[in-house]
Amino acid sequence: MKDYTPRPDLLAGRVILVTGAGSGLGRAASLAYARHGATVALLGRNEAKLEAVYDEILAAGGPEPAMFPYDLATADDRSLETLANTIAHHLKRLDGVLHSAHQFFSLTPLHLQTLEQWQTLMRVNLIAPFALTRACLPLLQQAQDASVIFTGETHGHHPSAYWGGYAVAKSGLETLTRVWADELGADGNPRINTLIPGPVATTLRSRTHPGLAPETVASADDLMPWYLYLIGADSRAIRGQIVECQT
């Protein structure tokens, strides 16, 4: 997939919801989806960052996006259903969801991690992606070919010391992917997969590996072929898979 070359109109006419759209991989994916014709619904808790991505998309000539300032740490069923209904009312359709929002505290041993931290980690990194997808499911199932991408993490796939609740939450996304894909079946809609970016130059990477030069790992833009492939129709046969980016 690293050599995948999407056609320019891959996402023309489609509406894609991106969480964590204000920075990092969410921002890069939002810009990439818009470049390939998608109307992007930008969701994040920092309105100023969403506005900056909104302006970038318009400046590049992309379809006018929509903004949804929203804090997944405080999400509940009612507000998520309201969000889904708002998308349906204003954008009329939903063809895909990229779950890129995340919560991370620090690399610490388990005995120093608190109950409150774990509740937040589970809520943002695992429970919210499930609940948002569930709320959007009726709208996604109206689309001809919808795709949901959960963002996994290397240390959730290959657990190691100090990643604690973050790794546990991310590993849960892999199980969620397989369970949901099994329930939807081989021809079900939407198709659901987990994408593991691997080492990438983001703010999170700078916090977990502060001494590592950014140029020694992939950039967010380097990974966009995977993000475009899995959200577009070319990957319609891929479902229930855990995909690791290779650069």
C-alpha atoms as a PDB file:
ATOM      1  CA  MET A   1       0.000   0.000   0.000  1.00  0.00           C
ATOM      2  CA  LYS A   2       2.925   2.361   0.419  1.00  0.00           C
ATOM      3  CA  ASP A   3       3.129   2.451  -3.401  1.00  0.00           C
ATOM      4  CA  TYR A   4      -0.613   3.034  -3.774  1.00  0.00           C
ATOM      5  CA  THR A   5      -1.410   5.957  -6.051  1.00  0.00           C
ATOM      6  CA  PRO A   6      -5.013   7.095  -5.625  1.00  0.00           C
ATOM      7  CA  ARG A   7      -6.768   8.718  -8.539  1.00  0.00           C
ATOM      8  CA  PRO A   8      -7.404  12.449  -7.993  1.00  0.00           C
ATOM      9  CA  ASP A   9     -11.185  11.994  -7.664  1.00  0.00           C
ATOM     10  CA  LEU A  10     -11.003   8.953  -5.359  1.00  0.00           C
ATOM     11  CA  LEU A  11     -13.295  10.560  -2.772  1.00  0.00           C
ATOM     12  CA  ALA A  12     -15.313  12.920  -4.958  1.00  0.00           C
ATOM     13  CA  GLY A  13     -18.836  13.336  -3.628  1.00  0.00           C
ATOM     14  CA  ARG A  14     -18.043  11.549  -0.375  1.00  0.00           C
ATOM     15  CA  VAL A  15     -18.333  12.849   3.169  1.00  0.00           C
ATOM     16  CA  ILE A  16     -15.654  11.707   5.610  1.00  0.00           C
ATOM     17  CA  LEU A  17     -15.686  12.388   9.355  1.00  0.00           C
ATOM     18  CA  VAL A  18     -12.234  12.743  10.908  1.00  0.00           C
ATOM     19  CA  THR A  19     -11.753  12.899  14.684  1.00  0.00           C
ATOM     20  CA  GLY A  20      -8.633  14.548  16.064  1.00  0.00           C
ATOM     21  CA  ALA A  21      -8.643  16.578  12.854  1.00  0.00           C
ATOM     22  CA  GLY A  22      -6.836  19.579  14.303  1.00  0.00           C
ATOM     23  CA  SER A  23      -3.326  18.135  14.411  1.00  0.00           C
ATOM     24  CA  GLY A  24      -1.028  15.223  13.613  1.00  0.00           C
ATOM     25  CA  LEU A  25      -2.310  12.361  11.512  1.00  0.00           C
ATOM     26  CA  GLY A  26      -5.900  13.599  11.727  1.00  0.00           C
ATOM     27  CA  ARG A  27      -4.923  16.914  10.182  1.00  0.00           C
ATOM     28  CA  ALA A  28      -2.815  15.258   7.472  1.00  0.00           C
ATOM     29  CA  ALA A  29      -5.631  12.838   6.608  1.00  0.00           C
ATOM     30  CA  SER A  30      -8.205  15.634   6.495  1.00  0.00           C
ATOM     31  CA  LEU A  31      -6.082  17.556   4.006  1.00  0.00           C
ATOM     32  CA  ALA A  32      -5.411  14.414   1.944  1.00  0.00           C
ATOM     33  CA  TYR A  33      -9.081  13.431   1.839  1.00  0.00           C
ATOM     34  CA  ALA A  34     -10.060  16.938   0.768  1.00  0.00           C
ATOM     35  CA  ARG A  35      -7.390  16.928  -1.967  1.00  0.00           C
ATOM     36  CA  HIS A  36      -9.038  13.815  -3.373  1.00  0.00           C
ATOM     37  CA  GLY A  37     -12.507  15.333  -3.433  1.00  0.00           C
ATOM     38  CA  ALA A  38     -14.051  14.571  -0.037  1.00  0.00           C
ATOM     39  CA  THR A  39     -16.125  16.927   2.019  1.00  0.00           C
ATOM     40  CA  VAL A  40     -14.424  16.510   5.385  1.00  0.00           C
ATOM     41  CA  ALA A  41     -16.266  16.817   8.686  1.00  0.00           C
ATOM     42  CA  LEU A  42     -13.559  18.056  11.061  1.00  0.00           C
ATOM     43  CA  LEU A  43     -14.047  16.974  14.670  1.00  0.00           C
ATOM     44  CA  GLY A  44     -11.791  17.967  17.557  1.00  0.00           C
ATOM     45  CA  ARG A  45     -11.817  19.665  20.922  1.00  0.00           C
ATOM     46  CA  ASN A  46      -9.667  22.658  19.880  1.00  0.00           C
ATOM     47  CA  GLU A  47     -11.762  24.959  17.722  1.00  0.00           C
ATOM     48  CA  ALA A  48      -8.819  27.171  16.725  1.00  0.00           C
ATOM     49  CA  LYS A  49      -6.936  24.178  15.315  1.00  0.00           C
ATOM     50  CA  LEU A  50     -10.023  23.031  13.424  1.00  0.00           C
ATOM     51  CA  GLU A  51     -10.382  26.509  11.936  1.00  0.00           C
ATOM     52  CA  ALA A  52      -6.768  26.393  10.761  1.00  0.00           C
ATOM     53  CA  VAL A  53      -7.339  23.062   8.970  1.00  0.00           C
ATOM     54  CA  TYR A  54     -10.612  24.415   7.559  1.00  0.00           C
ATOM     55  CA  ASP A  55      -8.731  27.375   6.104  1.00  0.00           C
ATOM     56  CA  GLU A  56      -5.986  25.135   4.694  1.00  0.00           C
ATOM     57  CA  ILE A  57      -8.520  22.992   2.869  1.00  0.00           C
ATOM     58  CA  LEU A  58     -10.230  26.021   1.335  1.00  0.00           C
ATOM     59  CA  ALA A  59      -6.907  27.614   0.395  1.00  0.00           C
ATOM     60  CA  ALA A  60      -5.953  24.426  -1.451  1.00  0.00           C
ATOM     61  CA  GLY A  61      -9.206  24.485  -3.404  1.00  0.00           C
ATOM     62  CA  GLY A  62     -10.876  21.589  -1.625  1.00  0.00           C
ATOM     63  CA  PRO A  63     -14.618  21.222  -0.965  1.00  0.00           C
ATOM     64  CA  GLU A  64     -15.821  23.354   1.911  1.00  0.00           C
ATOM     65  CA  PRO A  65     -15.455  21.261   5.078  1.00  0.00           C
ATOM     66  CA  ALA A  66     -17.657  21.263   8.163  1.00  0.00           C
ATOM     67  CA  MET A  67     -16.441  21.826  11.718  1.00  0.00           C
ATOM     68  CA  PHE A  68     -17.632  20.028  14.832  1.00  0.00           C
ATOM     69  CA  PRO A  69     -15.885  21.202  18.020  1.00  0.00           C
ATOM     70  CA  TYR A  70     -16.443  18.283  20.380  1.00  0.00           C
ATOM     71  CA  ASP A  71     -14.622  16.749  23.347  1.00  0.00           C
ATOM     72  CA  LEU A  72     -14.750  12.952  23.190  1.00  0.00           C
ATOM     73  CA  ALA A  73     -13.750  12.762  26.866  1.00  0.00           C
ATOM     74  CA  THR A  74     -17.228  14.006  27.782  1.00  0.00           C
ATOM     75  CA  ALA A  75     -19.180  12.148  25.095  1.00  0.00           C
ATOM     76  CA  ASP A  76     -22.425  10.345  25.879  1.00  0.00           C
ATOM     77  CA  ASP A  77     -24.982   8.530  23.751  1.00  0.00           C
ATOM     78  CA  ARG A  78     -27.343  11.491  23.515  1.00  0.00           C
ATOM     79  CA  SER A  79     -24.726  14.003  22.378  1.00  0.00           C
ATOM     80  CA  LEU A  80     -23.240  11.522  19.896  1.00  0.00           C
ATOM     81  CA  GLU A  81     -26.651  10.827  18.413  1.00  0.00           C
ATOM     82  CA  THR A  82     -27.194  14.591  18.143  1.00  0.00           C
ATOM     83  CA  LEU A  83     -23.835  14.854  16.361  1.00  0.00           C
ATOM     84  CA  ALA A  84     -24.798  12.093  13.915  1.00  0.00           C
ATOM     85  CA  ASN A  85     -28.145  13.762  13.255  1.00  0.00           C
ATOM     86  CA  THR A  86     -26.409  17.104  12.674  1.00  0.00           C
ATOM     87  CA  ILE A  87     -24.101  15.501  10.104  1.00  0.00           C
ATOM     88  CA  ALA A  88     -27.114  13.942   8.391  1.00  0.00           C
ATOM     89  CA  HIS A  89     -29.001  17.245   8.366  1.00  0.00           C
ATOM     90  CA  HIS A  90     -26.195  19.446   7.064  1.00  0.00           C
ATOM     91  CA  LEU A  91     -24.095  17.060   4.962  1.00  0.00           C
ATOM     92  CA  LYS A  92     -26.859  14.625   3.921  1.00  0.00           C
ATOM     93  CA  ARG A  93     -24.606  11.547   3.970  1.00  0.00           C
ATOM     94  CA  LEU A  94     -21.597   9.877   5.585  1.00  0.00           C
ATOM     95  CA  ASP A  95     -19.236   7.617   3.652  1.00  0.00           C
ATOM     96  CA  GLY A  96     -16.455   7.099   6.169  1.00  0.00           C
ATOM     97  CA  VAL A  97     -15.034   7.764   9.607  1.00  0.00           C
ATOM     98  CA  LEU A  98     -11.377   8.041  10.557  1.00  0.00           C
ATOM     99  CA  HIS A  99     -10.903   7.806  14.309  1.00  0.00           C
ATOM    100  CA  SER A 100      -7.655   9.714  14.864  1.00  0.00           C
ATOM    101  CA  ALA A 101      -8.367  11.432  18.196  1.00  0.00           C
ATOM    102  CA  HIS A 102      -6.409  10.065  21.135  1.00  0.00           C
ATOM    103  CA  GLN A 103      -5.520  10.709  24.762  1.00  0.00           C
ATOM    104  CA  PHE A 104      -2.084  10.013  26.201  1.00  0.00           C
ATOM    105  CA  PHE A 105      -0.510  10.985  29.508  1.00  0.00           C
ATOM    106  CA  SER A 106       3.055   9.695  29.837  1.00  0.00           C
ATOM    107  CA  LEU A 107       5.203   6.581  29.799  1.00  0.00           C
ATOM    108  CA  THR A 108       5.019   5.305  33.374  1.00  0.00           C
ATOM    109  CA  PRO A 109       4.983   1.930  35.127  1.00  0.00           C
ATOM    110  CA  LEU A 110       1.561   0.491  35.844  1.00  0.00           C
ATOM    111  CA  HIS A 111       1.798   1.008  39.589  1.00  0.00           C
ATOM    112  CA  LEU A 112       2.006   4.774  39.037  1.00  0.00           C
ATOM    113  CA  GLN A 113      -1.012   4.967  36.724  1.00  0.00           C
ATOM    114  CA  THR A 114      -4.252   6.019  38.363  1.00  0.00           C
ATOM    115  CA  LEU A 115      -7.841   4.859  38.026  1.00  0.00           C
ATOM    116  CA  GLU A 116      -8.816   8.294  36.772  1.00  0.00           C
ATOM    117  CA  GLN A 117      -6.140   8.182  34.071  1.00  0.00           C
ATOM    118  CA  TRP A 118      -7.282   4.744  32.933  1.00  0.00           C
ATOM    119  CA  GLN A 119     -10.898   5.858  32.785  1.00  0.00           C
ATOM    120  CA  THR A 120      -9.923   8.760  30.538  1.00  0.00           C
ATOM    121  CA  LEU A 121      -7.657   6.600  28.376  1.00  0.00           C
ATOM    122  CA  MET A 122     -10.374   4.006  27.872  1.00  0.00           C
ATOM    123  CA  ARG A 123     -13.058   6.610  27.275  1.00  0.00           C
ATOM    124  CA  VAL A 124     -11.216   8.575  24.584  1.00  0.00           C
ATOM    125  CA  ASN A 125      -9.159   5.840  22.919  1.00  0.00           C
ATOM    126  CA  LEU A 126     -11.619   2.930  22.948  1.00  0.00           C
ATOM    127  CA  ILE A 127     -15.117   3.701  24.179  1.00  0.00           C
ATOM    128  CA  ALA A 128     -15.630   6.920  22.198  1.00  0.00           C
ATOM    129  CA  PRO A 129     -14.604   5.364  18.850  1.00  0.00           C
ATOM    130  CA  PHE A 130     -17.086   2.550  19.481  1.00  0.00           C
ATOM    131  CA  ALA A 131     -19.883   4.863  20.586  1.00  0.00           C
ATOM    132  CA  LEU A 132     -19.375   7.388  17.782  1.00  0.00           C
ATOM    133  CA  THR A 133     -19.344   4.611  15.177  1.00  0.00           C
ATOM    134  CA  ARG A 134     -22.502   3.122  16.691  1.00  0.00           C
ATOM    135  CA  ALA A 135     -24.236   6.518  16.580  1.00  0.00           C
ATOM    136  CA  CYS A 136     -23.229   7.018  12.935  1.00  0.00           C
ATOM    137  CA  LEU A 137     -24.000   3.459  11.858  1.00  0.00           C
ATOM    138  CA  PRO A 138     -27.469   4.130  10.367  1.00  0.00           C
ATOM    139  CA  LEU A 139     -26.019   6.954   8.265  1.00  0.00           C
ATOM    140  CA  LEU A 140     -22.998   4.887   7.210  1.00  0.00           C
ATOM    141  CA  GLN A 141     -25.227   2.007   6.183  1.00  0.00           C
ATOM    142  CA  GLN A 142     -27.103   4.284   3.810  1.00  0.00           C
ATOM    143  CA  ALA A 143     -23.880   4.817   1.854  1.00  0.00           C
ATOM    144  CA  GLN A 144     -23.051   2.479  -1.002  1.00  0.00           C
ATOM    145  CA  ASP A 145     -19.564   1.714   0.265  1.00  0.00           C
ATOM    146  CA  ALA A 146     -18.680   3.091   3.706  1.00  0.00           C
ATOM    147  CA  SER A 147     -15.404   2.628   5.567  1.00  0.00           C
ATOM    148  CA  VAL A 148     -14.479   3.037   9.240  1.00  0.00           C
ATOM    149  CA  ILE A 149     -10.828   3.237  10.274  1.00  0.00           C
ATOM    150  CA  PHE A 150      -9.750   2.896  13.895  1.00  0.00           C
ATOM    151  CA  THR A 151      -6.216   4.129  14.629  1.00  0.00           C
ATOM    152  CA  GLY A 152      -4.251   1.479  16.475  1.00  0.00           C
ATOM    153  CA  GLU A 153      -0.821   1.747  18.030  1.00  0.00           C
ATOM    154  CA  THR A 154       2.339  -0.344  17.825  1.00  0.00           C
ATOM    155  CA  HIS A 155       2.471  -0.921  21.585  1.00  0.00           C
ATOM    156  CA  GLY A 156      -1.138  -2.041  21.626  1.00  0.00           C
ATOM    157  CA  HIS A 157      -0.328  -4.608  18.925  1.00  0.00           C
ATOM    158  CA  HIS A 158       3.003  -5.614  20.508  1.00  0.00           C
ATOM    159  CA  PRO A 159       2.629  -4.753  24.227  1.00  0.00           C
ATOM    160  CA  SER A 160       5.647  -3.494  26.129  1.00  0.00           C
ATOM    161  CA  ALA A 161       6.494  -1.886  29.447  1.00  0.00           C
ATOM    162  CA  TYR A 162       5.310   1.577  30.465  1.00  0.00           C
ATOM    163  CA  TRP A 163       2.633   2.033  27.792  1.00  0.00           C
ATOM    164  CA  GLY A 164       0.004   0.875  30.282  1.00  0.00           C
ATOM    165  CA  GLY A 165      -3.581   1.996  29.826  1.00  0.00           C
ATOM    166  CA  TYR A 166      -2.894   3.588  26.451  1.00  0.00           C
ATOM    167  CA  ALA A 167      -1.665   0.289  25.016  1.00  0.00           C
ATOM    168  CA  VAL A 168      -4.561  -1.635  26.590  1.00  0.00           C
ATOM    169  CA  ALA A 169      -7.112   0.754  25.088  1.00  0.00           C
ATOM    170  CA  LYS A 170      -5.481   0.619  21.671  1.00  0.00           C
ATOM    171  CA  SER A 171      -5.325  -3.181  21.747  1.00  0.00           C
ATOM    172  CA  GLY A 172      -9.051  -3.142  22.468  1.00  0.00           C
ATOM    173  CA  LEU A 173      -9.643  -1.448  19.107  1.00  0.00           C
ATOM    174  CA  GLU A 174      -8.224  -4.513  17.369  1.00  0.00           C
ATOM    175  CA  THR A 175     -10.703  -6.783  19.134  1.00  0.00           C
ATOM    176  CA  LEU A 176     -13.515  -4.322  18.440  1.00  0.00           C
ATOM    177  CA  THR A 177     -12.581  -4.346  14.749  1.00  0.00           C
ATOM    178  CA  ARG A 178     -12.733  -8.120  14.501  1.00  0.00           C
ATOM    179  CA  VAL A 179     -15.959  -8.459  16.490  1.00  0.00           C
ATOM    180  CA  TRP A 180     -17.764  -5.785  14.491  1.00  0.00           C
ATOM    181  CA  ALA A 181     -16.523  -7.073  11.140  1.00  0.00           C
ATOM    182  CA  ASP A 182     -17.695 -10.571  12.090  1.00  0.00           C
ATOM    183  CA  GLU A 183     -21.131  -9.241  13.005  1.00  0.00           C
ATOM    184  CA  LEU A 184     -21.437  -7.272   9.754  1.00  0.00           C
ATOM    185  CA  GLY A 185     -20.344 -10.210   7.624  1.00  0.00           C
ATOM    186  CA  ALA A 186     -18.284 -10.540   4.465  1.00  0.00           C
ATOM    187  CA  ASP A 187     -20.483  -8.158   2.487  1.00  0.00           C
ATOM    188  CA  GLY A 188     -21.467  -5.889   5.366  1.00  0.00           C
ATOM    189  CA  ASN A 189     -21.492  -2.113   5.277  1.00  0.00           C
ATOM    190  CA  PRO A 190     -19.532  -0.324   6.611  1.00  0.00           C
ATOM    191  CA  ARG A 191     -16.252  -2.183   6.427  1.00  0.00           C
ATOM    192  CA  ILE A 192     -14.187  -1.711   9.566  1.00  0.00           C
ATOM    193  CA  ASN A 193     -10.409  -1.944   9.927  1.00  0.00           C
ATOM    194  CA  THR A 194      -7.676  -0.820  12.300  1.00  0.00           C
ATOM    195  CA  LEU A 195      -4.654   1.012  10.905  1.00  0.00           C
ATOM    196  CA  ILE A 196      -1.431   1.093  12.926  1.00  0.00           C
ATOM    197  CA  PRO A 197       0.705   4.056  11.796  1.00  0.00           C
ATOM    198  CA  GLY A 198       3.925   2.923  13.479  1.00  0.00           C
ATOM    199  CA  PRO A 199       6.708   5.417  14.256  1.00  0.00           C
ATOM    200  CA  VAL A 200       5.703   8.789  12.848  1.00  0.00           C
ATOM    201  CA  ALA A 201       6.818  12.357  13.481  1.00  0.00           C
ATOM    202  CA  THR A 202       3.915  13.730  15.529  1.00  0.00           C
ATOM    203  CA  THR A 203       3.568  15.572  18.828  1.00  0.00           C
ATOM    204  CA  LEU A 204       2.907  12.255  20.566  1.00  0.00           C
ATOM    205  CA  ARG A 205       6.157  10.827  19.218  1.00  0.00           C
ATOM    206  CA  SER A 206       8.079  13.855  20.485  1.00  0.00           C
ATOM    207  CA  ARG A 207       6.666  13.219  23.973  1.00  0.00           C
ATOM    208  CA  THR A 208       7.450   9.498  24.051  1.00  0.00           C
ATOM    209  CA  HIS A 209      10.834   9.772  22.304  1.00  0.00           C
ATOM    210  CA  PRO A 210      12.060  13.323  23.088  1.00  0.00           C
ATOM    211  CA  GLY A 211      15.634  12.700  21.967  1.00  0.00           C
ATOM    212  CA  LEU A 212      14.746  11.255  18.584  1.00  0.00           C
ATOM    213  CA  ALA A 213      15.221  13.453  15.529  1.00  0.00           C
ATOM    214  CA  PRO A 214      11.907  13.778  13.616  1.00  0.00           C
ATOM    215  CA  GLU A 215      13.606  13.143  10.282  1.00  0.00           C
ATOM    216  CA  THR A 216      14.523   9.599  11.362  1.00  0.00           C
ATOM    217  CA  VAL A 217      10.896   8.437  11.217  1.00  0.00           C
ATOM    218  CA  ALA A 218       8.080   8.744   8.701  1.00  0.00           C
ATOM    219  CA  SER A 219       6.150  11.984   8.410  1.00  0.00           C
ATOM    220  CA  ALA A 220       2.368  12.064   8.598  1.00  0.00           C
ATOM    221  CA  ASP A 221       2.234  12.766   4.858  1.00  0.00           C
ATOM    222  CA  ASP A 222       4.327   9.650   4.161  1.00  0.00           C
ATOM    223  CA  LEU A 223       1.498   7.503   5.553  1.00  0.00           C
ATOM    224  CA  MET A 224      -1.335   9.024   3.551  1.00  0.00           C
ATOM    225  CA  PRO A 225      -1.365   6.255   0.885  1.00  0.00           C
ATOM    226  CA  TRP A 226      -2.610   3.861   3.605  1.00  0.00           C
ATOM    227  CA  TYR A 227      -5.194   6.339   4.858  1.00  0.00           C
ATOM    228  CA  LEU A 228      -6.488   6.994   1.354  1.00  0.00           C
ATOM    229  CA  TYR A 229      -6.533   3.337   0.369  1.00  0.00           C
ATOM    230  CA  LEU A 230      -8.513   2.164   3.390  1.00  0.00           C
ATOM    231  CA  ILE A 231     -11.077   4.972   3.259  1.00  0.00           C
ATOM    232  CA  GLY A 232     -11.717   4.692  -0.495  1.00  0.00           C
ATOM    233  CA  ALA A 233     -13.504   2.129  -2.639  1.00  0.00           C
ATOM    234  CA  ASP A 234     -10.297   0.429  -3.800  1.00  0.00           C
ATOM    235  CA  SER A 235     -10.108  -1.379  -0.445  1.00  0.00           C
ATOM    236  CA  ARG A 236     -13.707  -2.608  -0.377  1.00  0.00           C
ATOM    237  CA  ALA A 237     -12.517  -6.209   0.019  1.00  0.00           C
ATOM    238  CA  ILE A 238     -10.476  -5.366   3.127  1.00  0.00           C
ATOM    239  CA  ARG A 239     -12.510  -5.759   6.305  1.00  0.00           C
ATOM    240  CA  GLY A 240     -11.821  -6.824   9.872  1.00  0.00           C
ATOM    241  CA  GLN A 241      -8.083  -6.396   9.325  1.00  0.00           C
ATOM    242  CA  ILE A 242      -5.278  -4.969  11.446  1.00  0.00           C
ATOM    243  CA  VAL A 243      -3.058  -3.116   8.996  1.00  0.00           C
ATOM    244  CA  GLU A 244       0.453  -1.976   9.943  1.00  0.00           C
ATOM    245  CA  CYS A 245       1.932   0.846   7.880  1.00  0.00           C
ATOM    246  CA  GLN A 246       5.284   0.044   6.300  1.00  0.00           C
ATOM    247  CA  THR A 247       7.468   2.823   4.948  1.00  0.00           C
END
